[in-house]
Amino acid sequence: TQEGYEESYQESSSQSEGSQVIYRCQSCGSEIMTDETTVATHCYYCHSPVVLEGKLTEDMRPHKVLPFTISKEQAVEAFMKWAKAKKYVPGNFFKESEVQKMTGVYYPHYVTSCTMDGAFSGEGTRSDVMTRGDYIITNTHHYRVRREGRVNFKNVMRPALQKANRKLSDGIHPFPLEQAKPFADAYLSGFLAERKDIAESDVHRDVESEVAGYMQPMLTANHGYASCRGSTATQLRDIQSEYVLLPTWVLTYPNPKDQNDPYYFAMNGCTGEICGKLPIDNKKLFSKAAFIAAIAFVVGALASYFLF
């Protein structure tokens, strides 16, 4: 419960930090971190054994964490409803032993705030049309346009993970970031967390490029001219990022055709948003197709017999 998290946080804040440990999957290279009390014997992504690497270094500690508010039981129930609505899923996909492998995973993200100055310089035009005798006269007026503004951007999100399994969290946004808490060891108890592998400086360049693209539309909105063309110069004044862990319930299912692209189910650990990719039972699919084809053939034959 949220109250339990808070109590654990108060207790852990008075103790020494840094009890997280790192496991590495020798098969897919995934690095996961958890606390020392959590048993992690297999990779949740490819189901291969994982090897203990050592303790988490201070520079890799997150700033904040958004705690889970959806329990594993609720996530399993939602998965069963979602998967059973799919008609052509293999029957063994619903085995309890498989579903119980669902894992709570915190995915690393950067949440960035910044301030940007922008200055637009260009030309606006207005035209009026009048008729004099047999002539239609168009007068076009040209105006020099100069606009400046300062914009504060908040909660610009970027994944801190470049590996293939980041797609497990990309389809379940948004997250209620206002509920994030200062990171403490207690939040990792019983869960796993992916370790970031993207540098903050790389994220800053990407965020700066994105927010710069917003400036010209903002500075030229409601300009009042028939046309307005020009360019915008931008200057980033301040940028700060926080390394935040976001909660996701994950269930992966090995893909026999491609070990690096498993089937998966992912649920937002706060909102319940779901995305995923399930295996298809070709026998079920072909049987259904053959049944429909047989019916279509019989209907066609009867129609031909009675009409012709």
C-alpha atoms as a PDB file:
ATOM      1  CA  THR A   1       0.000   0.000   0.000  1.00  0.00           C
ATOM      2  CA  GLN A   2       1.020   3.623  -0.335  1.00  0.00           C
ATOM      3  CA  GLU A   3       1.091   3.883   3.478  1.00  0.00           C
ATOM      4  CA  GLY A   4       3.449   0.920   3.638  1.00  0.00           C
ATOM      5  CA  TYR A   5       5.775   2.564   1.142  1.00  0.00           C
ATOM      6  CA  GLU A   6       5.801   5.732   3.175  1.00  0.00           C
ATOM      7  CA  GLU A   7       6.607   3.864   6.390  1.00  0.00           C
ATOM      8  CA  SER A   8       9.396   1.946   4.666  1.00  0.00           C
ATOM      9  CA  TYR A   9      10.730   5.179   3.241  1.00  0.00           C
ATOM     10  CA  GLN A  10      10.857   6.818   6.657  1.00  0.00           C
ATOM     11  CA  GLU A  11      12.730   3.812   8.045  1.00  0.00           C
ATOM     12  CA  SER A  12      15.196   3.533   5.189  1.00  0.00           C
ATOM     13  CA  SER A  13      15.963   7.250   5.137  1.00  0.00           C
ATOM     14  CA  SER A  14      17.613   6.914   8.528  1.00  0.00           C
ATOM     15  CA  GLN A  15      19.754   3.983   7.402  1.00  0.00           C
ATOM     16  CA  SER A  16      22.721   3.821   5.085  1.00  0.00           C
ATOM     17  CA  GLU A  17      21.836   3.941   1.401  1.00  0.00           C
ATOM     18  CA  GLY A  18      23.286   1.926  -1.457  1.00  0.00           C
ATOM     19  CA  SER A  19      21.885  -1.566  -0.803  1.00  0.00           C
ATOM     20  CA  GLN A  20      20.823  -2.043  -4.418  1.00  0.00           C
ATOM     21  CA  VAL A  21      22.540  -4.784  -6.387  1.00  0.00           C
ATOM     22  CA  ILE A  22      22.922  -5.311 -10.139  1.00  0.00           C
ATOM     23  CA  TYR A  23      22.220  -8.450 -12.148  1.00  0.00           C
ATOM     24  CA  ARG A  24      23.298  -8.954 -15.753  1.00  0.00           C
ATOM     25  CA  CYS A  25      21.703 -11.301 -18.269  1.00  0.00           C
ATOM     26  CA  GLN A  26      24.386 -13.191 -20.178  1.00  0.00           C
ATOM     27  CA  SER A  27      21.958 -13.844 -23.033  1.00  0.00           C
ATOM     28  CA  CYS A  28      20.403 -10.467 -23.961  1.00  0.00           C
ATOM     29  CA  GLY A  29      22.715  -8.147 -21.998  1.00  0.00           C
ATOM     30  CA  SER A  30      19.928  -6.596 -19.945  1.00  0.00           C
ATOM     31  CA  GLU A  31      21.032  -5.043 -16.644  1.00  0.00           C
ATOM     32  CA  ILE A  32      18.502  -5.005 -13.821  1.00  0.00           C
ATOM     33  CA  MET A  33      18.827  -3.677 -10.318  1.00  0.00           C
ATOM     34  CA  THR A  34      16.923  -4.469  -7.153  1.00  0.00           C
ATOM     35  CA  ASP A  35      17.489  -4.488  -3.419  1.00  0.00           C
ATOM     36  CA  GLU A  36      19.456  -7.165  -1.590  1.00  0.00           C
ATOM     37  CA  THR A  37      16.320  -8.881  -0.267  1.00  0.00           C
ATOM     38  CA  THR A  38      14.774  -9.503  -3.686  1.00  0.00           C
ATOM     39  CA  VAL A  39      15.417 -12.854  -5.323  1.00  0.00           C
ATOM     40  CA  ALA A  40      16.367 -12.355  -8.985  1.00  0.00           C
ATOM     41  CA  THR A  41      17.344 -15.616 -10.654  1.00  0.00           C
ATOM     42  CA  HIS A  42      16.183 -15.066 -14.233  1.00  0.00           C
ATOM     43  CA  CYS A  43      15.899 -12.263 -16.785  1.00  0.00           C
ATOM     44  CA  TYR A  44      12.276 -11.152 -16.990  1.00  0.00           C
ATOM     45  CA  TYR A  45      12.833 -10.276 -20.667  1.00  0.00           C
ATOM     46  CA  CYS A  46      14.310 -13.461 -22.191  1.00  0.00           C
ATOM     47  CA  HIS A  47      13.963 -15.830 -19.189  1.00  0.00           C
ATOM     48  CA  SER A  48      17.680 -16.666 -19.143  1.00  0.00           C
ATOM     49  CA  PRO A  49      19.655 -16.969 -15.866  1.00  0.00           C
ATOM     50  CA  VAL A  50      21.140 -13.734 -14.532  1.00  0.00           C
ATOM     51  CA  VAL A  51      24.472 -13.227 -12.800  1.00  0.00           C
ATOM     52  CA  LEU A  52      25.084 -10.985  -9.800  1.00  0.00           C
ATOM     53  CA  GLU A  53      27.409  -8.151 -10.815  1.00  0.00           C
ATOM     54  CA  GLY A  54      27.752  -6.167  -7.606  1.00  0.00           C
ATOM     55  CA  LYS A  55      26.346  -3.126  -5.829  1.00  0.00           C
ATOM     56  CA  LEU A  56      24.852  -0.105  -7.549  1.00  0.00           C
ATOM     57  CA  THR A  57      27.235   2.858  -7.668  1.00  0.00           C
ATOM     58  CA  GLU A  58      26.131   6.219  -6.318  1.00  0.00           C
ATOM     59  CA  ASP A  59      26.153   7.928  -9.740  1.00  0.00           C
ATOM     60  CA  MET A  60      23.549   5.456 -11.023  1.00  0.00           C
ATOM     61  CA  ARG A  61      21.054   6.054  -8.212  1.00  0.00           C
ATOM     62  CA  PRO A  62      17.724   7.515  -9.390  1.00  0.00           C
ATOM     63  CA  HIS A  63      16.504  10.861  -8.128  1.00  0.00           C
ATOM     64  CA  LYS A  64      12.833   9.882  -7.893  1.00  0.00           C
ATOM     65  CA  VAL A  65      10.543   6.873  -8.177  1.00  0.00           C
ATOM     66  CA  LEU A  66       6.856   6.608  -8.999  1.00  0.00           C
ATOM     67  CA  PRO A  67       5.542   3.782  -6.761  1.00  0.00           C
ATOM     68  CA  PHE A  68       3.281   0.979  -7.966  1.00  0.00           C
ATOM     69  CA  THR A  69      -0.396   1.492  -7.076  1.00  0.00           C
ATOM     70  CA  ILE A  70      -1.706  -1.585  -8.967  1.00  0.00           C
ATOM     71  CA  SER A  71      -1.034  -4.936  -7.298  1.00  0.00           C
ATOM     72  CA  LYS A  72       0.228  -8.049  -9.057  1.00  0.00           C
ATOM     73  CA  GLU A  73      -3.150  -9.727  -8.521  1.00  0.00           C
ATOM     74  CA  GLN A  74      -4.905  -6.844 -10.283  1.00  0.00           C
ATOM     75  CA  ALA A  75      -2.352  -6.925 -13.108  1.00  0.00           C
ATOM     76  CA  VAL A  76      -2.770 -10.706 -13.589  1.00  0.00           C
ATOM     77  CA  GLU A  77      -6.561 -10.335 -13.665  1.00  0.00           C
ATOM     78  CA  ALA A  78      -6.305  -7.551 -16.265  1.00  0.00           C
ATOM     79  CA  PHE A  79      -3.933  -9.672 -18.349  1.00  0.00           C
ATOM     80  CA  MET A  80      -6.299 -12.644 -18.374  1.00  0.00           C
ATOM     81  CA  LYS A  81      -9.208 -10.469 -19.529  1.00  0.00           C
ATOM     82  CA  TRP A  82      -7.052  -8.838 -22.200  1.00  0.00           C
ATOM     83  CA  ALA A  83      -5.506 -12.063 -23.517  1.00  0.00           C
ATOM     84  CA  LYS A  84      -8.720 -14.117 -23.488  1.00  0.00           C
ATOM     85  CA  ALA A  85     -10.363 -11.491 -25.689  1.00  0.00           C
ATOM     86  CA  LYS A  86      -7.874 -12.520 -28.398  1.00  0.00           C
ATOM     87  CA  LYS A  87      -9.287 -15.496 -30.279  1.00  0.00           C
ATOM     88  CA  TYR A  88      -6.151 -17.015 -31.739  1.00  0.00           C
ATOM     89  CA  VAL A  89      -3.787 -17.122 -28.758  1.00  0.00           C
ATOM     90  CA  PRO A  90      -2.239 -20.554 -27.990  1.00  0.00           C
ATOM     91  CA  GLY A  91      -3.954 -22.341 -25.109  1.00  0.00           C
ATOM     92  CA  ASN A  92      -0.745 -22.871 -23.132  1.00  0.00           C
ATOM     93  CA  PHE A  93      -0.256 -19.111 -22.972  1.00  0.00           C
ATOM     94  CA  PHE A  94      -2.795 -19.110 -20.137  1.00  0.00           C
ATOM     95  CA  LYS A  95      -0.899 -21.590 -17.980  1.00  0.00           C
ATOM     96  CA  GLU A  96      -0.728 -20.355 -14.393  1.00  0.00           C
ATOM     97  CA  SER A  97       3.000 -21.112 -14.266  1.00  0.00           C
ATOM     98  CA  GLU A  98       3.556 -18.678 -17.152  1.00  0.00           C
ATOM     99  CA  VAL A  99       1.247 -15.937 -15.887  1.00  0.00           C
ATOM    100  CA  GLN A 100       2.859 -16.019 -12.445  1.00  0.00           C
ATOM    101  CA  LYS A 101       6.124 -14.944 -14.092  1.00  0.00           C
ATOM    102  CA  MET A 102       4.649 -11.451 -14.381  1.00  0.00           C
ATOM    103  CA  THR A 103       7.204  -9.072 -12.904  1.00  0.00           C
ATOM    104  CA  GLY A 104       7.048  -5.547 -11.547  1.00  0.00           C
ATOM    105  CA  VAL A 105       9.742  -3.541 -13.311  1.00  0.00           C
ATOM    106  CA  TYR A 106      10.740   0.095 -12.888  1.00  0.00           C
ATOM    107  CA  TYR A 107      11.846   1.613 -16.201  1.00  0.00           C
ATOM    108  CA  PRO A 108      14.350   4.494 -16.220  1.00  0.00           C
ATOM    109  CA  HIS A 109      13.366   7.827 -17.728  1.00  0.00           C
ATOM    110  CA  TYR A 110      14.707  11.350 -17.727  1.00  0.00           C
ATOM    111  CA  VAL A 111      12.180  14.026 -16.803  1.00  0.00           C
ATOM    112  CA  THR A 112      13.511  17.376 -17.972  1.00  0.00           C
ATOM    113  CA  SER A 113      12.612  21.001 -17.284  1.00  0.00           C
ATOM    114  CA  CYS A 114      14.163  23.918 -19.113  1.00  0.00           C
ATOM    115  CA  THR A 115      13.784  27.588 -20.036  1.00  0.00           C
ATOM    116  CA  MET A 116      14.267  28.834 -23.586  1.00  0.00           C
ATOM    117  CA  ASP A 117      14.411  32.324 -25.051  1.00  0.00           C
ATOM    118  CA  GLY A 118      13.182  32.798 -28.607  1.00  0.00           C
ATOM    119  CA  ALA A 119      13.240  35.705 -31.057  1.00  0.00           C
ATOM    120  CA  PHE A 120      11.281  35.651 -34.311  1.00  0.00           C
ATOM    121  CA  SER A 121      12.237  37.980 -37.181  1.00  0.00           C
ATOM    122  CA  GLY A 122      10.316  38.027 -40.413  1.00  0.00           C
ATOM    123  CA  GLU A 123       7.821  39.711 -42.672  1.00  0.00           C
ATOM    124  CA  GLY A 124       4.052  39.853 -42.468  1.00  0.00           C
ATOM    125  CA  THR A 125       1.713  40.856 -45.264  1.00  0.00           C
ATOM    126  CA  ARG A 126      -1.845  42.148 -45.543  1.00  0.00           C
ATOM    127  CA  SER A 127      -3.724  42.729 -48.764  1.00  0.00           C
ATOM    128  CA  ASP A 128      -6.839  44.641 -49.770  1.00  0.00           C
ATOM    129  CA  VAL A 129      -8.673  44.510 -53.073  1.00  0.00           C
ATOM    130  CA  MET A 130     -10.660  47.282 -54.768  1.00  0.00           C
ATOM    131  CA  THR A 131     -12.372  47.738 -58.128  1.00  0.00           C
ATOM    132  CA  ARG A 132     -11.905  50.826 -60.272  1.00  0.00           C
ATOM    133  CA  GLY A 133     -13.767  50.725 -63.513  1.00  0.00           C
ATOM    134  CA  ASP A 134     -12.579  47.712 -65.456  1.00  0.00           C
ATOM    135  CA  TYR A 135      -9.643  47.137 -63.128  1.00  0.00           C
ATOM    136  CA  ILE A 136      -9.278  45.040 -59.979  1.00  0.00           C
ATOM    137  CA  ILE A 137      -6.506  46.517 -57.866  1.00  0.00           C
ATOM    138  CA  THR A 138      -4.743  44.548 -55.121  1.00  0.00           C
ATOM    139  CA  ASN A 139      -2.646  46.455 -52.602  1.00  0.00           C
ATOM    140  CA  THR A 140      -0.223  44.381 -50.519  1.00  0.00           C
ATOM    141  CA  HIS A 141       1.306  45.907 -47.410  1.00  0.00           C
ATOM    142  CA  HIS A 142       4.543  44.509 -46.004  1.00  0.00           C
ATOM    143  CA  TYR A 143       5.418  44.708 -42.304  1.00  0.00           C
ATOM    144  CA  ARG A 144       8.555  43.914 -40.414  1.00  0.00           C
ATOM    145  CA  VAL A 145       7.652  41.506 -37.617  1.00  0.00           C
ATOM    146  CA  ARG A 146       9.683  41.026 -34.462  1.00  0.00           C
ATOM    147  CA  ARG A 147       8.518  38.915 -31.537  1.00  0.00           C
ATOM    148  CA  GLU A 148      10.379  37.678 -28.471  1.00  0.00           C
ATOM    149  CA  GLY A 149       9.400  35.341 -25.692  1.00  0.00           C
ATOM    150  CA  ARG A 150      10.618  33.184 -22.852  1.00  0.00           C
ATOM    151  CA  VAL A 151       9.022  29.777 -22.350  1.00  0.00           C
ATOM    152  CA  ASN A 152       9.327  27.366 -19.424  1.00  0.00           C
ATOM    153  CA  PHE A 153       9.000  23.690 -20.335  1.00  0.00           C
ATOM    154  CA  LYS A 154       8.313  21.029 -17.695  1.00  0.00           C
ATOM    155  CA  ASN A 155       8.168  17.229 -17.615  1.00  0.00           C
ATOM    156  CA  VAL A 156       9.689  16.614 -21.040  1.00  0.00           C
ATOM    157  CA  MET A 157      10.165  12.835 -20.917  1.00  0.00           C
ATOM    158  CA  ARG A 158      12.828  10.704 -22.552  1.00  0.00           C
ATOM    159  CA  PRO A 159      13.603   7.001 -22.008  1.00  0.00           C
ATOM    160  CA  ALA A 160      16.958   6.412 -20.325  1.00  0.00           C
ATOM    161  CA  LEU A 161      17.146   2.990 -21.973  1.00  0.00           C
ATOM    162  CA  GLN A 162      18.272   2.323 -25.543  1.00  0.00           C
ATOM    163  CA  LYS A 163      17.884  -1.454 -25.504  1.00  0.00           C
ATOM    164  CA  ALA A 164      15.119  -3.368 -27.258  1.00  0.00           C
ATOM    165  CA  ASN A 165      13.099  -3.961 -24.098  1.00  0.00           C
ATOM    166  CA  ARG A 166      12.332  -0.254 -23.652  1.00  0.00           C
ATOM    167  CA  LYS A 167       9.365  -0.859 -25.974  1.00  0.00           C
ATOM    168  CA  LEU A 168       7.700  -2.565 -23.014  1.00  0.00           C
ATOM    169  CA  SER A 169       7.202   0.840 -21.396  1.00  0.00           C
ATOM    170  CA  ASP A 170       6.855   3.099 -24.430  1.00  0.00           C
ATOM    171  CA  GLY A 171       3.239   2.140 -25.147  1.00  0.00           C
ATOM    172  CA  ILE A 172       1.732   2.801 -21.720  1.00  0.00           C
ATOM    173  CA  HIS A 173       2.304   6.526 -21.219  1.00  0.00           C
ATOM    174  CA  PRO A 174       1.421   8.908 -19.648  1.00  0.00           C
ATOM    175  CA  PHE A 175       2.428   8.442 -16.017  1.00  0.00           C
ATOM    176  CA  PRO A 176       1.204  10.666 -13.139  1.00  0.00           C
ATOM    177  CA  LEU A 177       4.595  12.288 -12.535  1.00  0.00           C
ATOM    178  CA  GLU A 178       3.208  14.578  -9.845  1.00  0.00           C
ATOM    179  CA  GLN A 179       2.984  11.505  -7.584  1.00  0.00           C
ATOM    180  CA  ALA A 180       6.720  10.685  -7.838  1.00  0.00           C
ATOM    181  CA  LYS A 181       8.632  10.356  -4.555  1.00  0.00           C
ATOM    182  CA  PRO A 182      12.299  10.891  -3.646  1.00  0.00           C
ATOM    183  CA  PHE A 183      14.089   7.611  -4.321  1.00  0.00           C
ATOM    184  CA  ALA A 184      14.657   5.260  -1.387  1.00  0.00           C
ATOM    185  CA  ASP A 185      15.713   1.624  -1.156  1.00  0.00           C
ATOM    186  CA  ALA A 186      12.303   0.562   0.157  1.00  0.00           C
ATOM    187  CA  TYR A 187      10.598   1.169  -3.184  1.00  0.00           C
ATOM    188  CA  LEU A 188      12.685  -1.517  -4.917  1.00  0.00           C
ATOM    189  CA  SER A 189      11.800  -4.241  -2.442  1.00  0.00           C
ATOM    190  CA  GLY A 190      10.128  -7.061  -4.362  1.00  0.00           C
ATOM    191  CA  PHE A 191      10.581  -5.349  -7.736  1.00  0.00           C
ATOM    192  CA  LEU A 192      13.215  -5.093 -10.439  1.00  0.00           C
ATOM    193  CA  ALA A 193      14.487  -1.995 -12.208  1.00  0.00           C
ATOM    194  CA  GLU A 194      16.282  -1.506 -15.496  1.00  0.00           C
ATOM    195  CA  ARG A 195      19.514   0.455 -15.200  1.00  0.00           C
ATOM    196  CA  LYS A 196      19.859   3.525 -17.420  1.00  0.00           C
ATOM    197  CA  ASP A 197      22.335   3.325 -20.303  1.00  0.00           C
ATOM    198  CA  ILE A 198      21.821   6.749 -21.936  1.00  0.00           C
ATOM    199  CA  ALA A 199      23.862   9.731 -20.748  1.00  0.00           C
ATOM    200  CA  GLU A 200      22.100  12.826 -19.466  1.00  0.00           C
ATOM    201  CA  SER A 201      24.061  15.019 -21.902  1.00  0.00           C
ATOM    202  CA  ASP A 202      22.638  13.073 -24.860  1.00  0.00           C
ATOM    203  CA  VAL A 203      19.123  13.607 -23.543  1.00  0.00           C
ATOM    204  CA  HIS A 204      19.751  17.336 -23.122  1.00  0.00           C
ATOM    205  CA  ARG A 205      20.703  17.697 -26.792  1.00  0.00           C
ATOM    206  CA  ASP A 206      17.563  15.847 -27.850  1.00  0.00           C
ATOM    207  CA  VAL A 207      15.294  17.877 -25.557  1.00  0.00           C
ATOM    208  CA  GLU A 208      16.831  21.165 -26.683  1.00  0.00           C
ATOM    209  CA  SER A 209      16.168  20.247 -30.311  1.00  0.00           C
ATOM    210  CA  GLU A 210      12.566  19.340 -29.518  1.00  0.00           C
ATOM    211  CA  VAL A 211      11.630  22.445 -27.543  1.00  0.00           C
ATOM    212  CA  ALA A 212      13.369  24.705 -30.078  1.00  0.00           C
ATOM    213  CA  GLY A 213      10.944  23.334 -32.647  1.00  0.00           C
ATOM    214  CA  TYR A 214       8.024  24.584 -30.545  1.00  0.00           C
ATOM    215  CA  MET A 215       9.239  28.180 -30.361  1.00  0.00           C
ATOM    216  CA  GLN A 216       8.407  29.483 -33.854  1.00  0.00           C
ATOM    217  CA  PRO A 217       4.779  28.233 -33.817  1.00  0.00           C
ATOM    218  CA  MET A 218       4.357  29.808 -30.373  1.00  0.00           C
ATOM    219  CA  LEU A 219       5.871  33.140 -31.394  1.00  0.00           C
ATOM    220  CA  THR A 220       3.866  33.372 -34.623  1.00  0.00           C
ATOM    221  CA  ALA A 221       0.489  32.228 -33.288  1.00  0.00           C
ATOM    222  CA  ASN A 222      -2.370  34.736 -33.783  1.00  0.00           C
ATOM    223  CA  HIS A 223      -0.140  37.114 -35.729  1.00  0.00           C
ATOM    224  CA  GLY A 224      -3.054  38.764 -37.571  1.00  0.00           C
ATOM    225  CA  TYR A 225      -1.370  38.911 -40.985  1.00  0.00           C
ATOM    226  CA  ALA A 226      -2.456  37.206 -44.192  1.00  0.00           C
ATOM    227  CA  SER A 227       0.978  35.575 -44.206  1.00  0.00           C
ATOM    228  CA  CYS A 228       3.972  35.655 -41.907  1.00  0.00           C
ATOM    229  CA  ARG A 229       7.354  34.218 -42.823  1.00  0.00           C
ATOM    230  CA  GLY A 230      10.684  34.340 -41.090  1.00  0.00           C
ATOM    231  CA  SER A 231      13.030  32.504 -38.775  1.00  0.00           C
ATOM    232  CA  THR A 232      13.441  32.026 -35.053  1.00  0.00           C
ATOM    233  CA  ALA A 233      16.658  32.174 -33.063  1.00  0.00           C
ATOM    234  CA  THR A 234      16.640  30.285 -29.754  1.00  0.00           C
ATOM    235  CA  GLN A 235      18.848  30.216 -26.705  1.00  0.00           C
ATOM    236  CA  LEU A 236      18.610  27.658 -23.918  1.00  0.00           C
ATOM    237  CA  ARG A 237      18.921  29.395 -20.563  1.00  0.00           C
ATOM    238  CA  ASP A 238      18.619  26.504 -18.148  1.00  0.00           C
ATOM    239  CA  ILE A 239      18.057  22.753 -18.348  1.00  0.00           C
ATOM    240  CA  GLN A 240      17.757  20.210 -15.543  1.00  0.00           C
ATOM    241  CA  SER A 241      16.922  16.522 -15.705  1.00  0.00           C
ATOM    242  CA  GLU A 242      15.861  14.061 -13.041  1.00  0.00           C
ATOM    243  CA  TYR A 243      16.460  10.331 -13.331  1.00  0.00           C
ATOM    244  CA  VAL A 244      13.068   8.794 -12.523  1.00  0.00           C
ATOM    245  CA  LEU A 245      11.903   5.161 -12.282  1.00  0.00           C
ATOM    246  CA  LEU A 246       8.399   4.488 -13.649  1.00  0.00           C
ATOM    247  CA  PRO A 247       6.387   1.357 -12.687  1.00  0.00           C
ATOM    248  CA  THR A 248       5.389  -1.326 -15.208  1.00  0.00           C
ATOM    249  CA  TRP A 249       3.965  -4.826 -14.851  1.00  0.00           C
ATOM    250  CA  VAL A 250       5.620  -7.045 -17.467  1.00  0.00           C
ATOM    251  CA  LEU A 251       5.034 -10.569 -18.728  1.00  0.00           C
ATOM    252  CA  THR A 252       7.234 -11.866 -21.542  1.00  0.00           C
ATOM    253  CA  TYR A 253       6.781 -15.031 -23.571  1.00  0.00           C
ATOM    254  CA  PRO A 254       9.687 -16.485 -25.592  1.00  0.00           C
ATOM    255  CA  ASN A 255       9.370 -16.234 -29.367  1.00  0.00           C
ATOM    256  CA  PRO A 256      10.724 -19.469 -30.903  1.00  0.00           C
ATOM    257  CA  LYS A 257      11.295 -17.705 -34.231  1.00  0.00           C
ATOM    258  CA  ASP A 258      13.253 -14.767 -32.813  1.00  0.00           C
ATOM    259  CA  GLN A 259      14.774 -14.990 -29.340  1.00  0.00           C
ATOM    260  CA  ASN A 260      15.446 -11.218 -29.319  1.00  0.00           C
ATOM    261  CA  ASP A 261      11.811 -10.291 -30.006  1.00  0.00           C
ATOM    262  CA  PRO A 262       9.624 -12.028 -27.394  1.00  0.00           C
ATOM    263  CA  TYR A 263       5.893 -11.643 -27.085  1.00  0.00           C
ATOM    264  CA  TYR A 264       5.002  -9.344 -24.219  1.00  0.00           C
ATOM    265  CA  PHE A 265       2.347  -7.763 -22.053  1.00  0.00           C
ATOM    266  CA  ALA A 266       2.968  -4.456 -20.289  1.00  0.00           C
ATOM    267  CA  MET A 267       0.739  -2.518 -17.922  1.00  0.00           C
ATOM    268  CA  ASN A 268       1.208   0.949 -16.452  1.00  0.00           C
ATOM    269  CA  GLY A 269       1.679   0.310 -12.728  1.00  0.00           C
ATOM    270  CA  CYS A 270      -0.334   3.424 -11.835  1.00  0.00           C
ATOM    271  CA  THR A 271      -3.012   3.967 -14.511  1.00  0.00           C
ATOM    272  CA  GLY A 272      -3.621   0.411 -15.778  1.00  0.00           C
ATOM    273  CA  GLU A 273      -2.931   1.333 -19.414  1.00  0.00           C
ATOM    274  CA  ILE A 274      -2.088  -1.831 -21.397  1.00  0.00           C
ATOM    275  CA  CYS A 275      -0.085  -2.668 -24.499  1.00  0.00           C
ATOM    276  CA  GLY A 276       1.408  -5.888 -25.786  1.00  0.00           C
ATOM    277  CA  LYS A 277       2.004  -8.419 -28.512  1.00  0.00           C
ATOM    278  CA  LEU A 278       0.663 -11.974 -28.260  1.00  0.00           C
ATOM    279  CA  PRO A 279       1.603 -15.163 -30.134  1.00  0.00           C
ATOM    280  CA  ILE A 280      -0.804 -16.517 -32.758  1.00  0.00           C
ATOM    281  CA  ASP A 281      -1.841 -20.168 -32.897  1.00  0.00           C
ATOM    282  CA  ASN A 282      -1.660 -20.863 -36.636  1.00  0.00           C
ATOM    283  CA  LYS A 283      -3.723 -24.056 -36.284  1.00  0.00           C
ATOM    284  CA  LYS A 284      -6.607 -22.087 -34.760  1.00  0.00           C
ATOM    285  CA  LEU A 285      -6.275 -19.417 -37.417  1.00  0.00           C
ATOM    286  CA  PHE A 286      -6.143 -21.850 -40.357  1.00  0.00           C
ATOM    287  CA  SER A 287      -9.030 -23.909 -38.940  1.00  0.00           C
ATOM    288  CA  LYS A 288     -11.164 -20.775 -38.691  1.00  0.00           C
ATOM    289  CA  ALA A 289     -10.182 -19.730 -42.200  1.00  0.00           C
ATOM    290  CA  ALA A 290     -10.976 -23.191 -43.588  1.00  0.00           C
ATOM    291  CA  PHE A 291     -14.357 -23.177 -41.809  1.00  0.00           C
ATOM    292  CA  ILE A 292     -15.256 -19.776 -43.268  1.00  0.00           C
ATOM    293  CA  ALA A 293     -14.074 -20.865 -46.720  1.00  0.00           C
ATOM    294  CA  ALA A 294     -16.192 -24.031 -46.509  1.00  0.00           C
ATOM    295  CA  ILE A 295     -19.285 -22.041 -45.556  1.00  0.00           C
ATOM    296  CA  ALA A 296     -18.640 -19.579 -48.385  1.00  0.00           C
ATOM    297  CA  PHE A 297     -18.266 -22.488 -50.833  1.00  0.00           C
ATOM    298  CA  VAL A 298     -21.537 -24.129 -49.695  1.00  0.00           C
ATOM    299  CA  VAL A 299     -23.437 -20.829 -49.858  1.00  0.00           C
ATOM    300  CA  GLY A 300     -22.025 -20.154 -53.323  1.00  0.00           C
ATOM    301  CA  ALA A 301     -22.915 -23.643 -54.557  1.00  0.00           C
ATOM    302  CA  LEU A 302     -26.469 -23.400 -53.241  1.00  0.00           C
ATOM    303  CA  ALA A 303     -26.911 -19.958 -54.752  1.00  0.00           C
ATOM    304  CA  SER A 304     -25.718 -21.214 -58.128  1.00  0.00           C
ATOM    305  CA  TYR A 305     -28.051 -24.245 -57.967  1.00  0.00           C
ATOM    306  CA  PHE A 306     -31.210 -22.280 -57.140  1.00  0.00           C
ATOM    307  CA  LEU A 307     -30.512 -19.189 -59.264  1.00  0.00           C
ATOM    308  CA  PHE A 308     -29.172 -20.815 -62.392  1.00  0.00           C
END
